[in-house]
C-alpha atoms as a PDB file:
ATOM      1  CA  UNK A   1      35.024 -52.337  42.136  1.00  0.00           C
ATOM      2  CA  UNK A   2      37.382 -50.124  42.506  1.00  0.00           C
ATOM      3  CA  UNK A   3      36.152 -47.292  40.176  1.00  0.00           C
ATOM      4  CA  UNK A   4      32.556 -48.499  41.767  1.00  0.00           C
ATOM      5  CA  UNK A   5      34.236 -47.700  45.421  1.00  0.00           C
ATOM      6  CA  UNK A   6      35.875 -44.454  43.479  1.00  0.00           C
ATOM      7  CA  UNK A   7      32.379 -43.312  42.248  1.00  0.00           C
ATOM      8  CA  UNK A   8      31.042 -43.882  45.844  1.00  0.00           C
ATOM      9  CA  UNK A   9      33.265 -41.870  47.654  1.00  0.00           C
ATOM     10  CA  UNK A  10      33.286 -39.265  45.526  1.00  0.00           C
ATOM     11  CA  UNK A  11      29.608 -39.299  45.622  1.00  0.00           C
ATOM     12  CA  UNK A  12      29.997 -39.148  49.902  1.00  0.00           C
ATOM     13  CA  UNK A  13      32.475 -36.321  49.689  1.00  0.00           C
ATOM     14  CA  UNK A  14      30.079 -34.150  47.009  1.00  0.00           C
ATOM     15  CA  UNK A  15      27.208 -34.353  49.894  1.00  0.00           C
ATOM     16  CA  UNK A  16      29.252 -34.127  52.818  1.00  0.00           C
ATOM     17  CA  UNK A  17      30.821 -30.870  51.319  1.00  0.00           C
ATOM     18  CA  UNK A  18      26.950 -29.891  50.382  1.00  0.00           C
ATOM     19  CA  UNK A  19      26.510 -29.938  54.062  1.00  0.00           C
ATOM     20  CA  UNK A  20      29.652 -28.446  55.211  1.00  0.00           C
ATOM     21  CA  UNK A  21      27.473 -25.260  56.521  1.00  0.00           C
ATOM     22  CA  UNK A  22      25.879 -27.859  59.252  1.00  0.00           C
ATOM     23  CA  UNK A  23      28.855 -28.954  60.601  1.00  0.00           C
ATOM     24  CA  UNK A  24      29.382 -26.213  63.174  1.00  0.00           C
ATOM     25  CA  UNK A  25      25.899 -26.976  64.312  1.00  0.00           C
ATOM     26  CA  UNK A  26      26.115 -30.581  64.100  1.00  0.00           C
ATOM     27  CA  UNK A  27      29.550 -30.745  65.983  1.00  0.00           C
ATOM     28  CA  UNK A  28      27.535 -28.353  68.554  1.00  0.00           C
ATOM     29  CA  UNK A  29      24.671 -31.272  68.827  1.00  0.00           C
ATOM     30  CA  UNK A  30      27.224 -33.958  69.235  1.00  0.00           C
ATOM     31  CA  UNK A  31      29.120 -31.873  72.735  1.00  0.00           C
ATOM     32  CA  UNK A  32      25.721 -31.488  74.302  1.00  0.00           C
ATOM     33  CA  UNK A  33      24.277 -34.924  73.447  1.00  0.00           C
ATOM     34  CA  UNK A  34      27.705 -36.586  75.076  1.00  0.00           C
ATOM     35  CA  UNK A  35      27.714 -34.090  78.016  1.00  0.00           C
ATOM     36  CA  UNK A  36      23.855 -35.029  78.658  1.00  0.00           C
ATOM     37  CA  UNK A  37      24.542 -38.604  78.326  1.00  0.00           C
ATOM     38  CA  UNK A  38      27.359 -38.432  80.540  1.00  0.00           C
ATOM     39  CA  UNK A  39      25.658 -36.044  83.270  1.00  0.00           C
ATOM     40  CA  UNK A  40      22.913 -38.701  83.608  1.00  0.00           C
ATOM     41  CA  UNK A  41      24.470 -42.093  83.014  1.00  0.00           C
ATOM     42  CA  UNK A  42      27.691 -42.312  84.575  1.00  0.00           C
ATOM     43  CA  UNK A  43      29.750 -44.122  81.536  1.00  0.00           C
ATOM     44  CA  UNK A  44      32.806 -45.966  81.810  1.00  0.00           C
ATOM     45  CA  UNK A  45      35.883 -44.964  79.365  1.00  0.00           C
ATOM     46  CA  UNK A  46      34.943 -47.998  76.952  1.00  0.00           C
ATOM     47  CA  UNK A  47      31.308 -46.915  77.179  1.00  0.00           C
ATOM     48  CA  UNK A  48      32.321 -43.438  76.471  1.00  0.00           C
ATOM     49  CA  UNK A  49      34.192 -44.227  73.482  1.00  0.00           C
ATOM     50  CA  UNK A  50      31.546 -46.567  71.749  1.00  0.00           C
ATOM     51  CA  UNK A  51      28.458 -44.116  72.110  1.00  0.00           C
ATOM     52  CA  UNK A  52      30.772 -41.061  70.961  1.00  0.00           C
ATOM     53  CA  UNK A  53      31.679 -43.625  67.440  1.00  0.00           C
ATOM     54  CA  UNK A  54      28.128 -44.413  67.372  1.00  0.00           C
ATOM     55  CA  UNK A  55      27.004 -40.694  67.780  1.00  0.00           C
ATOM     56  CA  UNK A  56      29.549 -39.668  65.064  1.00  0.00           C
ATOM     57  CA  UNK A  57      28.410 -42.223  62.770  1.00  0.00           C
ATOM     58  CA  UNK A  58      24.841 -41.798  62.710  1.00  0.00           C
ATOM     59  CA  UNK A  59      25.921 -37.918  62.710  1.00  0.00           C
ATOM     60  CA  UNK A  60      27.709 -38.801  59.297  1.00  0.00           C
ATOM     61  CA  UNK A  61      25.018 -40.538  58.061  1.00  0.00           C
ATOM     62  CA  UNK A  62      22.724 -37.528  58.860  1.00  0.00           C
ATOM     63  CA  UNK A  63      25.220 -35.033  57.551  1.00  0.00           C
ATOM     64  CA  UNK A  64      25.303 -37.395  54.018  1.00  0.00           C
ATOM     65  CA  UNK A  65      21.107 -37.359  53.858  1.00  0.00           C
ATOM     66  CA  UNK A  66      21.025 -33.546  54.440  1.00  0.00           C
ATOM     67  CA  UNK A  67      23.978 -32.954  51.987  1.00  0.00           C
ATOM     68  CA  UNK A  68      22.265 -35.090  49.162  1.00  0.00           C
ATOM     69  CA  UNK A  69      18.883 -33.413  49.907  1.00  0.00           C
ATOM     70  CA  UNK A  70      20.666 -29.816  49.631  1.00  0.00           C
ATOM     71  CA  UNK A  71      22.367 -31.080  46.385  1.00  0.00           C
ATOM     72  CA  UNK A  72      19.012 -32.061  44.766  1.00  0.00           C
ATOM     73  CA  UNK A  73      17.490 -28.769  46.098  1.00  0.00           C
ATOM     74  CA  UNK A  74      20.576 -26.496  44.884  1.00  0.00           C
ATOM     75  CA  UNK A  75      20.400 -28.301  41.087  1.00  0.00           C
ATOM     76  CA  UNK A  76      16.766 -27.472  40.740  1.00  0.00           C
ATOM     77  CA  UNK A  77      17.254 -24.383  41.882  1.00  0.00           C
ATOM     78  CA  UNK A  78      20.041 -23.720  39.354  1.00  0.00           C
ATOM     79  CA  UNK A  79      18.307 -25.605  36.280  1.00  0.00           C
ATOM     80  CA  UNK A  80      15.161 -23.684  36.681  1.00  0.00           C
ATOM     81  CA  UNK A  81      17.428 -20.129  36.777  1.00  0.00           C
ATOM     82  CA  UNK A  82      19.148 -21.771  33.456  1.00  0.00           C
ATOM     83  CA  UNK A  83      15.964 -22.261  32.127  1.00  0.00           C
ATOM     84  CA  UNK A  84      14.790 -18.691  32.350  1.00  0.00           C
ATOM     85  CA  UNK A  85      18.065 -17.254  31.054  1.00  0.00           C
ATOM     86  CA  UNK A  86      17.634 -19.355  27.780  1.00  0.00           C
ATOM     87  CA  UNK A  87      13.909 -18.078  27.921  1.00  0.00           C
ATOM     88  CA  UNK A  88      12.691 -21.540  27.779  1.00  0.00           C
ATOM     89  CA  UNK A  89       9.631 -20.450  30.263  1.00  0.00           C
ATOM     90  CA  UNK A  90       6.483 -18.407  28.569  1.00  0.00           C
ATOM     91  CA  UNK A  91       4.989 -17.794  31.608  1.00  0.00           C
ATOM     92  CA  UNK A  92       5.520 -17.934  35.582  1.00  0.00           C
ATOM     93  CA  UNK A  93       3.182 -20.952  35.790  1.00  0.00           C
ATOM     94  CA  UNK A  94       5.496 -22.957  34.149  1.00  0.00           C
ATOM     95  CA  UNK A  95       8.139 -22.636  37.192  1.00  0.00           C
ATOM     96  CA  UNK A  96       7.748 -25.530  39.438  1.00  0.00           C
ATOM     97  CA  UNK A  97       9.703 -26.665  42.553  1.00  0.00           C
ATOM     98  CA  UNK A  98       9.557 -29.337  45.109  1.00  0.00           C
ATOM     99  CA  UNK A  99       7.189 -28.680  48.270  1.00  0.00           C
ATOM    100  CA  UNK A 100      10.457 -28.094  50.100  1.00  0.00           C
ATOM    101  CA  UNK A 101      11.336 -24.693  48.162  1.00  0.00           C
ATOM    102  CA  UNK A 102       7.687 -23.866  47.720  1.00  0.00           C
ATOM    103  CA  UNK A 103       8.401 -20.107  49.061  1.00  0.00           C
ATOM    104  CA  UNK A 104      11.567 -19.955  46.880  1.00  0.00           C
ATOM    105  CA  UNK A 105       9.512 -21.022  44.085  1.00  0.00           C
ATOM    106  CA  UNK A 106       7.344 -17.771  44.321  1.00  0.00           C
ATOM    107  CA  UNK A 107      10.356 -15.549  44.813  1.00  0.00           C
ATOM    108  CA  UNK A 108      11.889 -16.927  41.415  1.00  0.00           C
ATOM    109  CA  UNK A 109       8.203 -16.513  40.065  1.00  0.00           C
ATOM    110  CA  UNK A 110       8.444 -12.936  40.689  1.00  0.00           C
ATOM    111  CA  UNK A 111      11.807 -12.465  39.550  1.00  0.00           C
ATOM    112  CA  UNK A 112      10.606 -14.064  36.330  1.00  0.00           C
ATOM    113  CA  UNK A 113       7.934 -12.237  35.959  1.00  0.00           C
ATOM    114  CA  UNK A 114       9.971  -8.667  37.073  1.00  0.00           C
ATOM    115  CA  UNK A 115      12.634  -9.618  34.917  1.00  0.00           C
ATOM    116  CA  UNK A 116      10.486 -10.353  31.732  1.00  0.00           C
ATOM    117  CA  UNK A 117       8.969  -6.976  32.547  1.00  0.00           C
ATOM    118  CA  UNK A 118      11.829  -5.026  32.577  1.00  0.00           C
ATOM    119  CA  UNK A 119      12.924  -6.923  28.954  1.00  0.00           C
ATOM    120  CA  UNK A 120       9.602  -5.321  27.380  1.00  0.00           C
ATOM    121  CA  UNK A 121      10.281  -1.838  28.931  1.00  0.00           C
ATOM    122  CA  UNK A 122      13.605  -1.913  27.647  1.00  0.00           C
ATOM    123  CA  UNK A 123      12.373  -3.123  24.287  1.00  0.00           C
ATOM    124  CA  UNK A 124       9.310  -0.175  24.138  1.00  0.00           C
ATOM    125  CA  UNK A 125      12.029   2.303  25.412  1.00  0.00           C
ATOM    126  CA  UNK A 126      14.436   1.121  22.670  1.00  0.00           C
ATOM    127  CA  UNK A 127      11.457   1.510  19.986  1.00  0.00           C
ATOM    128  CA  UNK A 128      10.514   5.004  21.322  1.00  0.00           C
ATOM    129  CA  UNK A 129      14.003   6.241  21.593  1.00  0.00           C
ATOM    130  CA  UNK A 130      14.433   5.007  17.663  1.00  0.00           C
ATOM    131  CA  UNK A 131      11.307   6.441  16.723  1.00  0.00           C
ATOM    132  CA  UNK A 132      12.211   9.652  18.540  1.00  0.00           C
ATOM    133  CA  UNK A 133      15.685   9.780  16.973  1.00  0.00           C
ATOM    134  CA  UNK A 134      13.715   9.546  13.228  1.00  0.00           C
ATOM    135  CA  UNK A 135      11.243  12.067  14.143  1.00  0.00           C
ATOM    136  CA  UNK A 136      13.987  14.199  15.646  1.00  0.00           C
ATOM    137  CA  UNK A 137      16.143  13.546  12.278  1.00  0.00           C
ATOM    138  CA  UNK A 138      13.071  14.325   9.959  1.00  0.00           C
ATOM    139  CA  UNK A 139      11.621  17.534  11.826  1.00  0.00           C
ATOM    140  CA  UNK A 140      15.268  19.004  11.802  1.00  0.00           C
ATOM    141  CA  UNK A 141      15.739  18.568   8.076  1.00  0.00           C
ATOM    142  CA  UNK A 142      12.703  20.036   7.280  1.00  0.00           C
ATOM    143  CA  UNK A 143      13.822  23.657   8.126  1.00  0.00           C
ATOM    144  CA  UNK A 144      17.703  23.343   7.507  1.00  0.00           C
ATOM    145  CA  UNK A 145      16.747  22.042   4.038  1.00  0.00           C
ATOM    146  CA  UNK A 146      14.138  24.932   3.309  1.00  0.00           C
ATOM    147  CA  UNK A 147      17.392  27.427   4.851  1.00  0.00           C
ATOM    148  CA  UNK A 148      19.792  25.672   2.797  1.00  0.00           C
ATOM    149  CA  UNK A 149      17.671  25.992  -0.566  1.00  0.00           C
ATOM    150  CA  UNK A 150      16.956  29.823  -0.162  1.00  0.00           C
ATOM    151  CA  UNK A 151      20.196  30.467   0.688  1.00  0.00           C
ATOM    152  CA  UNK A 152      21.519  28.689  -2.087  1.00  0.00           C
ATOM    153  CA  UNK A 153      19.283  30.542  -4.662  1.00  0.00           C
ATOM    154  CA  UNK A 154      20.078  34.144  -3.195  1.00  0.00           C
ATOM    155  CA  UNK A 155      23.809  32.928  -3.910  1.00  0.00           C
ATOM    156  CA  UNK A 156      23.276  31.702  -7.386  1.00  0.00           C
ATOM    157  CA  UNK A 157      22.164  35.002  -8.159  1.00  0.00           C
ATOM    158  CA  UNK A 158      18.542  35.701  -6.754  1.00  0.00           C
ATOM    159  CA  UNK A 159      20.270  38.168  -3.980  1.00  0.00           C
ATOM    160  CA  UNK A 160      20.266  40.773  -6.702  1.00  0.00           C
ATOM    161  CA  UNK A 161      16.905  40.135  -8.017  1.00  0.00           C
ATOM    162  CA  UNK A 162      14.882  42.901  -5.427  1.00  0.00           C
ATOM    163  CA  UNK A 163      11.740  41.006  -6.326  1.00  0.00           C
ATOM    164  CA  UNK A 164      12.464  37.819  -4.324  1.00  0.00           C
ATOM    165  CA  UNK A 165      15.661  38.338  -2.391  1.00  0.00           C
ATOM    166  CA  UNK A 166      13.463  39.914   0.670  1.00  0.00           C
ATOM    167  CA  UNK A 167      11.026  37.464   0.386  1.00  0.00           C
ATOM    168  CA  UNK A 168      13.837  34.612   0.328  1.00  0.00           C
ATOM    169  CA  UNK A 169      15.346  35.897   3.664  1.00  0.00           C
ATOM    170  CA  UNK A 170      11.788  36.524   5.132  1.00  0.00           C
ATOM    171  CA  UNK A 171      11.027  32.908   4.391  1.00  0.00           C
ATOM    172  CA  UNK A 172      14.738  31.793   5.942  1.00  0.00           C
ATOM    173  CA  UNK A 173      14.099  33.613   8.873  1.00  0.00           C
ATOM    174  CA  UNK A 174      10.938  32.009   9.322  1.00  0.00           C
ATOM    175  CA  UNK A 175      12.456  28.370   8.803  1.00  0.00           C
ATOM    176  CA  UNK A 176      15.370  29.702  11.380  1.00  0.00           C
ATOM    177  CA  UNK A 177      12.464  30.480  14.006  1.00  0.00           C
ATOM    178  CA  UNK A 178      10.970  27.018  13.319  1.00  0.00           C
ATOM    179  CA  UNK A 179      14.360  25.297  14.109  1.00  0.00           C
ATOM    180  CA  UNK A 180      14.749  27.633  16.941  1.00  0.00           C
ATOM    181  CA  UNK A 181      11.570  26.608  18.585  1.00  0.00           C
ATOM    182  CA  UNK A 182      11.956  22.536  17.604  1.00  0.00           C
ATOM    183  CA  UNK A 183      15.511  23.142  19.425  1.00  0.00           C
ATOM    184  CA  UNK A 184      13.840  24.770  22.488  1.00  0.00           C
ATOM    185  CA  UNK A 185      10.979  22.288  22.574  1.00  0.00           C
ATOM    186  CA  UNK A 186      13.431  19.080  22.705  1.00  0.00           C
ATOM    187  CA  UNK A 187      15.412  20.806  25.365  1.00  0.00           C
ATOM    188  CA  UNK A 188      12.323  21.141  26.977  1.00  0.00           C
ATOM    189  CA  UNK A 189      11.050  17.456  26.748  1.00  0.00           C
ATOM    190  CA  UNK A 190      14.778  16.274  27.815  1.00  0.00           C
ATOM    191  CA  UNK A 191      15.020  18.350  30.634  1.00  0.00           C
ATOM    192  CA  UNK A 192      11.187  17.185  32.125  1.00  0.00           C
ATOM    193  CA  UNK A 193      11.902  13.491  31.295  1.00  0.00           C
ATOM    194  CA  UNK A 194      15.101  13.669  33.127  1.00  0.00           C
ATOM    195  CA  UNK A 195      13.918  15.333  36.289  1.00  0.00           C
ATOM    196  CA  UNK A 196      16.105  18.280  35.423  1.00  0.00           C
ATOM    197  CA  UNK A 197      13.563  20.570  35.034  1.00  0.00           C
ATOM    198  CA  UNK A 198      12.933  22.436  38.668  1.00  0.00           C
ATOM    199  CA  UNK A 199       9.504  23.476  39.588  1.00  0.00           C
ATOM    200  CA  UNK A 200       8.579  26.434  41.514  1.00  0.00           C
ATOM    201  CA  UNK A 201       5.245  26.249  43.067  1.00  0.00           C
ATOM    202  CA  UNK A 202       3.294  29.672  44.664  1.00  0.00           C
ATOM    203  CA  UNK A 203       0.051  30.685  44.851  1.00  0.00           C
ATOM    204  CA  UNK A 204      -0.649  33.680  41.978  1.00  0.00           C
ATOM    205  CA  UNK A 205      -3.553  35.922  41.459  1.00  0.00           C
ATOM    206  CA  UNK A 206      -5.419  33.774  38.302  1.00  0.00           C
ATOM    207  CA  UNK A 207      -7.260  37.067  36.760  1.00  0.00           C
ATOM    208  CA  UNK A 208      -4.476  38.776  36.451  1.00  0.00           C
ATOM    209  CA  UNK A 209      -2.475  35.900  35.279  1.00  0.00           C
ATOM    210  CA  UNK A 210      -4.448  34.739  32.665  1.00  0.00           C
ATOM    211  CA  UNK A 211      -5.221  38.551  31.366  1.00  0.00           C
ATOM    212  CA  UNK A 212      -1.441  38.852  30.725  1.00  0.00           C
ATOM    213  CA  UNK A 213      -1.228  35.818  28.953  1.00  0.00           C
ATOM    214  CA  UNK A 214      -4.340  36.582  26.614  1.00  0.00           C
ATOM    215  CA  UNK A 215      -2.946  40.256  25.992  1.00  0.00           C
ATOM    216  CA  UNK A 216       0.317  38.695  24.735  1.00  0.00           C
ATOM    217  CA  UNK A 217      -1.484  36.319  22.208  1.00  0.00           C
ATOM    218  CA  UNK A 218      -4.012  39.230  20.985  1.00  0.00           C
ATOM    219  CA  UNK A 219      -1.711  39.579  17.990  1.00  0.00           C
ATOM    220  CA  UNK A 220      -2.420  36.119  16.657  1.00  0.00           C
ATOM    221  CA  UNK A 221      -5.791  35.883  17.486  1.00  0.00           C
ATOM    222  CA  UNK A 222      -6.346  39.061  15.568  1.00  0.00           C
ATOM    223  CA  UNK A 223      -4.327  38.207  12.626  1.00  0.00           C
ATOM    224  CA  UNK A 224      -6.269  35.095  12.078  1.00  0.00           C
ATOM    225  CA  UNK A 225      -9.609  37.175  12.610  1.00  0.00           C
ATOM    226  CA  UNK A 226     -10.794  34.953  15.675  1.00  0.00           C
ATOM    227  CA  UNK A 227     -11.794  36.882  18.926  1.00  0.00           C
ATOM    228  CA  UNK A 228      -9.875  35.459  22.066  1.00  0.00           C
ATOM    229  CA  UNK A 229     -12.034  36.042  24.956  1.00  0.00           C
ATOM    230  CA  UNK A 230     -11.310  35.825  28.248  1.00  0.00           C
ATOM    231  CA  UNK A 231     -14.033  34.717  30.765  1.00  0.00           C
ATOM    232  CA  UNK A 232     -15.168  36.400  33.856  1.00  0.00           C
ATOM    233  CA  UNK A 233     -12.631  35.350  36.777  1.00  0.00           C
ATOM    234  CA  UNK A 234     -13.094  36.104  40.666  1.00  0.00           C
ATOM    235  CA  UNK A 235     -11.167  38.933  41.859  1.00  0.00           C
ATOM    236  CA  UNK A 236      -8.318  37.623  44.212  1.00  0.00           C
ATOM    237  CA  UNK A 237      -9.164  33.993  42.974  1.00  0.00           C
ATOM    238  CA  UNK A 238      -5.472  32.163  44.389  1.00  0.00           C
ATOM    239  CA  UNK A 239      -4.430  29.066  42.097  1.00  0.00           C
ATOM    240  CA  UNK A 240      -1.193  26.931  42.879  1.00  0.00           C
ATOM    241  CA  UNK A 241       1.165  26.185  40.674  1.00  0.00           C
ATOM    242  CA  UNK A 242       4.569  26.900  38.423  1.00  0.00           C
ATOM    243  CA  UNK A 243       3.673  30.175  36.628  1.00  0.00           C
ATOM    244  CA  UNK A 244       6.454  29.867  34.295  1.00  0.00           C
ATOM    245  CA  UNK A 245       5.717  26.291  33.363  1.00  0.00           C
ATOM    246  CA  UNK A 246       2.008  26.830  33.427  1.00  0.00           C
ATOM    247  CA  UNK A 247       2.484  30.007  30.967  1.00  0.00           C
ATOM    248  CA  UNK A 248       4.089  27.320  28.347  1.00  0.00           C
ATOM    249  CA  UNK A 249       1.144  24.888  28.821  1.00  0.00           C
ATOM    250  CA  UNK A 250      -1.446  27.916  27.981  1.00  0.00           C
ATOM    251  CA  UNK A 251       0.667  29.429  25.376  1.00  0.00           C
ATOM    252  CA  UNK A 252       0.699  26.128  23.593  1.00  0.00           C
ATOM    253  CA  UNK A 253      -3.205  25.144  24.076  1.00  0.00           C
ATOM    254  CA  UNK A 254      -4.352  28.619  23.152  1.00  0.00           C
ATOM    255  CA  UNK A 255      -2.028  28.957  20.005  1.00  0.00           C
ATOM    256  CA  UNK A 256      -3.637  25.783  18.970  1.00  0.00           C
ATOM    257  CA  UNK A 257      -6.613  26.442  19.430  1.00  0.00           C
ATOM    258  CA  UNK A 258      -6.484  29.653  17.187  1.00  0.00           C
ATOM    259  CA  UNK A 259      -4.243  27.962  14.508  1.00  0.00           C
ATOM    260  CA  UNK A 260      -7.250  25.173  14.062  1.00  0.00           C
ATOM    261  CA  UNK A 261      -9.942  27.752  14.372  1.00  0.00           C
ATOM    262  CA  UNK A 262     -11.237  28.841  11.127  1.00  0.00           C
ATOM    263  CA  UNK A 263     -14.216  30.601  12.311  1.00  0.00           C
ATOM    264  CA  UNK A 264     -15.845  31.194  15.578  1.00  0.00           C
ATOM    265  CA  UNK A 265     -14.052  32.059  19.015  1.00  0.00           C
ATOM    266  CA  UNK A 266     -11.551  31.300  21.573  1.00  0.00           C
ATOM    267  CA  UNK A 267     -12.246  31.336  25.177  1.00  0.00           C
ATOM    268  CA  UNK A 268     -10.544  30.997  28.199  1.00  0.00           C
ATOM    269  CA  UNK A 269     -12.344  29.794  31.227  1.00  0.00           C
ATOM    270  CA  UNK A 270     -12.254  28.952  35.300  1.00  0.00           C
ATOM    271  CA  UNK A 271     -14.948  27.046  36.846  1.00  0.00           C
ATOM    272  CA  UNK A 272     -14.330  26.890  40.425  1.00  0.00           C
ATOM    273  CA  UNK A 273     -15.190  23.965  43.009  1.00  0.00           C
ATOM    274  CA  UNK A 274     -14.318  23.828  46.651  1.00  0.00           C
ATOM    275  CA  UNK A 275     -10.595  23.325  46.884  1.00  0.00           C
ATOM    276  CA  UNK A 276      -9.691  23.655  42.998  1.00  0.00           C
ATOM    277  CA  UNK A 277      -9.979  26.092  39.886  1.00  0.00           C
ATOM    278  CA  UNK A 278     -10.440  24.468  36.311  1.00  0.00           C
ATOM    279  CA  UNK A 279      -8.600  26.384  33.466  1.00  0.00           C
ATOM    280  CA  UNK A 280     -10.379  25.663  30.172  1.00  0.00           C
ATOM    281  CA  UNK A 281      -9.207  26.529  26.609  1.00  0.00           C
ATOM    282  CA  UNK A 282     -11.809  26.124  24.708  1.00  0.00           C
ATOM    283  CA  UNK A 283     -12.303  26.724  20.587  1.00  0.00           C
ATOM    284  CA  UNK A 284     -14.671  26.486  17.809  1.00  0.00           C
ATOM    285  CA  UNK A 285     -12.252  24.324  15.751  1.00  0.00           C
ATOM    286  CA  UNK A 286     -12.089  21.438  13.626  1.00  0.00           C
ATOM    287  CA  UNK A 287     -12.413  19.443  16.509  1.00  0.00           C
ATOM    288  CA  UNK A 288     -10.700  16.190  16.766  1.00  0.00           C
ATOM    289  CA  UNK A 289     -11.462  12.492  16.170  1.00  0.00           C
ATOM    290  CA  UNK A 290     -12.373  10.017  19.064  1.00  0.00           C
ATOM    291  CA  UNK A 291      -9.674   7.996  17.445  1.00  0.00           C
ATOM    292  CA  UNK A 292      -7.283  11.057  17.523  1.00  0.00           C
ATOM    293  CA  UNK A 293      -7.534  11.993  21.499  1.00  0.00           C
ATOM    294  CA  UNK A 294      -5.615   9.471  23.253  1.00  0.00           C
ATOM    295  CA  UNK A 295      -2.303  10.183  20.999  1.00  0.00           C
ATOM    296  CA  UNK A 296      -2.320  13.777  20.335  1.00  0.00           C
ATOM    297  CA  UNK A 297      -0.387  14.177  23.491  1.00  0.00           C
ATOM    298  CA  UNK A 298       2.661  11.670  21.810  1.00  0.00           C
ATOM    299  CA  UNK A 299       5.719  13.475  20.897  1.00  0.00           C
ATOM    300  CA  UNK A 300       5.388  14.581  17.111  1.00  0.00           C
ATOM    301  CA  UNK A 301       2.021  13.259  16.610  1.00  0.00           C
ATOM    302  CA  UNK A 302      -0.202  15.263  14.608  1.00  0.00           C
ATOM    303  CA  UNK A 303      -3.723  14.756  13.948  1.00  0.00           C
ATOM    304  CA  UNK A 304      -3.659  16.407  10.185  1.00  0.00           C
ATOM    305  CA  UNK A 305      -0.534  15.931   9.054  1.00  0.00           C
ATOM    306  CA  UNK A 306      -0.673  18.509   5.681  1.00  0.00           C
ATOM    307  CA  UNK A 307      -2.758  21.255   7.822  1.00  0.00           C
ATOM    308  CA  UNK A 308       0.163  21.043  10.858  1.00  0.00           C
ATOM    309  CA  UNK A 309       2.661  21.738   8.303  1.00  0.00           C
ATOM    310  CA  UNK A 310       0.963  24.753   7.078  1.00  0.00           C
ATOM    311  CA  UNK A 311      -0.038  26.452  10.161  1.00  0.00           C
ATOM    312  CA  UNK A 312       3.481  25.451  11.665  1.00  0.00           C
ATOM    313  CA  UNK A 313       4.221  24.130  15.420  1.00  0.00           C
ATOM    314  CA  UNK A 314       6.999  21.217  16.674  1.00  0.00           C
ATOM    315  CA  UNK A 315       5.126  18.689  17.352  1.00  0.00           C
ATOM    316  CA  UNK A 316       6.220  18.490  20.709  1.00  0.00           C
ATOM    317  CA  UNK A 317       3.688  21.301  22.479  1.00  0.00           C
ATOM    318  CA  UNK A 318       1.190  18.857  23.509  1.00  0.00           C
ATOM    319  CA  UNK A 319       3.986  16.362  25.092  1.00  0.00           C
ATOM    320  CA  UNK A 320       5.173  19.263  26.960  1.00  0.00           C
ATOM    321  CA  UNK A 321       1.841  20.255  28.275  1.00  0.00           C
ATOM    322  CA  UNK A 322       1.451  16.638  29.163  1.00  0.00           C
ATOM    323  CA  UNK A 323       4.656  16.530  31.373  1.00  0.00           C
ATOM    324  CA  UNK A 324       4.281  19.650  33.251  1.00  0.00           C
ATOM    325  CA  UNK A 325       0.728  19.213  34.383  1.00  0.00           C
ATOM    326  CA  UNK A 326       1.864  15.961  35.607  1.00  0.00           C
ATOM    327  CA  UNK A 327       4.667  17.484  37.289  1.00  0.00           C
ATOM    328  CA  UNK A 328       1.574  19.997  39.008  1.00  0.00           C
ATOM    329  CA  UNK A 329      -0.090  16.552  40.251  1.00  0.00           C
ATOM    330  CA  UNK A 330      -2.690  16.971  37.638  1.00  0.00           C
ATOM    331  CA  UNK A 331      -3.294  16.267  33.971  1.00  0.00           C
ATOM    332  CA  UNK A 332      -5.265  17.289  30.763  1.00  0.00           C
ATOM    333  CA  UNK A 333      -8.644  16.656  29.640  1.00  0.00           C
ATOM    334  CA  UNK A 334      -9.901  16.786  26.401  1.00  0.00           C
ATOM    335  CA  UNK A 335     -13.554  17.319  24.890  1.00  0.00           C
ATOM    336  CA  UNK A 336     -13.975  17.338  21.425  1.00  0.00           C
ATOM    337  CA  UNK A 337     -16.319  16.915  18.400  1.00  0.00           C
ATOM    338  CA  UNK A 338     -15.392  17.012  14.724  1.00  0.00           C
ATOM    339  CA  UNK A 339     -16.351  20.320  13.119  1.00  0.00           C
ATOM    340  CA  UNK A 340     -17.355  21.915  16.440  1.00  0.00           C
ATOM    341  CA  UNK A 341     -14.514  22.679  18.524  1.00  0.00           C
ATOM    342  CA  UNK A 342     -12.493  21.423  21.348  1.00  0.00           C
ATOM    343  CA  UNK A 343     -12.052  21.890  24.778  1.00  0.00           C
ATOM    344  CA  UNK A 344      -8.931  21.318  26.711  1.00  0.00           C
ATOM    345  CA  UNK A 345      -8.801  21.815  30.656  1.00  0.00           C
ATOM    346  CA  UNK A 346      -6.886  20.799  33.688  1.00  0.00           C
ATOM    347  CA  UNK A 347      -7.534  21.654  37.431  1.00  0.00           C
ATOM    348  CA  UNK A 348      -5.073  23.478  39.791  1.00  0.00           C
ATOM    349  CA  UNK A 349      -5.209  23.718  43.540  1.00  0.00           C
ATOM    350  CA  UNK A 350      -6.850  26.989  45.377  1.00  0.00           C
END
């Protein structure tokens, strides 16, 4: 009997404790009620005390009921949150609360979906980070091992052989240049993705700008025996962008076009519309399969790995192109046919 009474008392205390945040409101209601009754109906002291006690009892029962309901609601919410924490739900639709907590149910579902999305994104980022580190290690290893091999061969005696020493030094220097290019591209990617790369947007003369880039790249095209042609551009055409970063874009696109074109030509064109100018780099090279186009802007992704290593490149060029153009509020467009050539283009504001 005593144990039952203690359990009942503990339950009452817990329910009253759960409703303690309403004590002030209940006390105000109690005082106002007594004041209102006393103002309308004059009461004797005995009547006033009796009414006060009855009112207190009623409010005590009300607090008990409120506390019981609040405790049940809190327990329900805690159970749902614990289930989310233990990954017991596969979808937001499995989360159900009582009718009185329907608004909170929507918020918890939103929290569940946001948390699930964040976790998936973190897993993807971790996978990308792992793949990126693996790719970087692989790409760095190639020129480093090459340089190391040529130097060791020279130290073992080949340096005294005039037939091979200069050739080995030239090859080591080429690997050193590739290593430097890779590190520069890695720095650029890091700066772009961390938001540290600052852009300086200005209007510039498109004809003069592209002529200077084409003249710088003539040697590469002439060495390959591929004509590099700049189409007609309207004089005084002004485009808006960061000239330094756009030069990286154009250099990457033109050098790729030359590398993957064995015969024909490479053209640079501008097609104007009312408010924009579309810059096009067009080649008659090997082309890209439709299935590959969506992936060529991934870091270190190569369509033809054997050929790419033969012609050089870090595998980061097009990723840098994509990021720089996105910072300009535009995107790169690709059209390509296997065996016929490719066309890369993007628009800039006039």
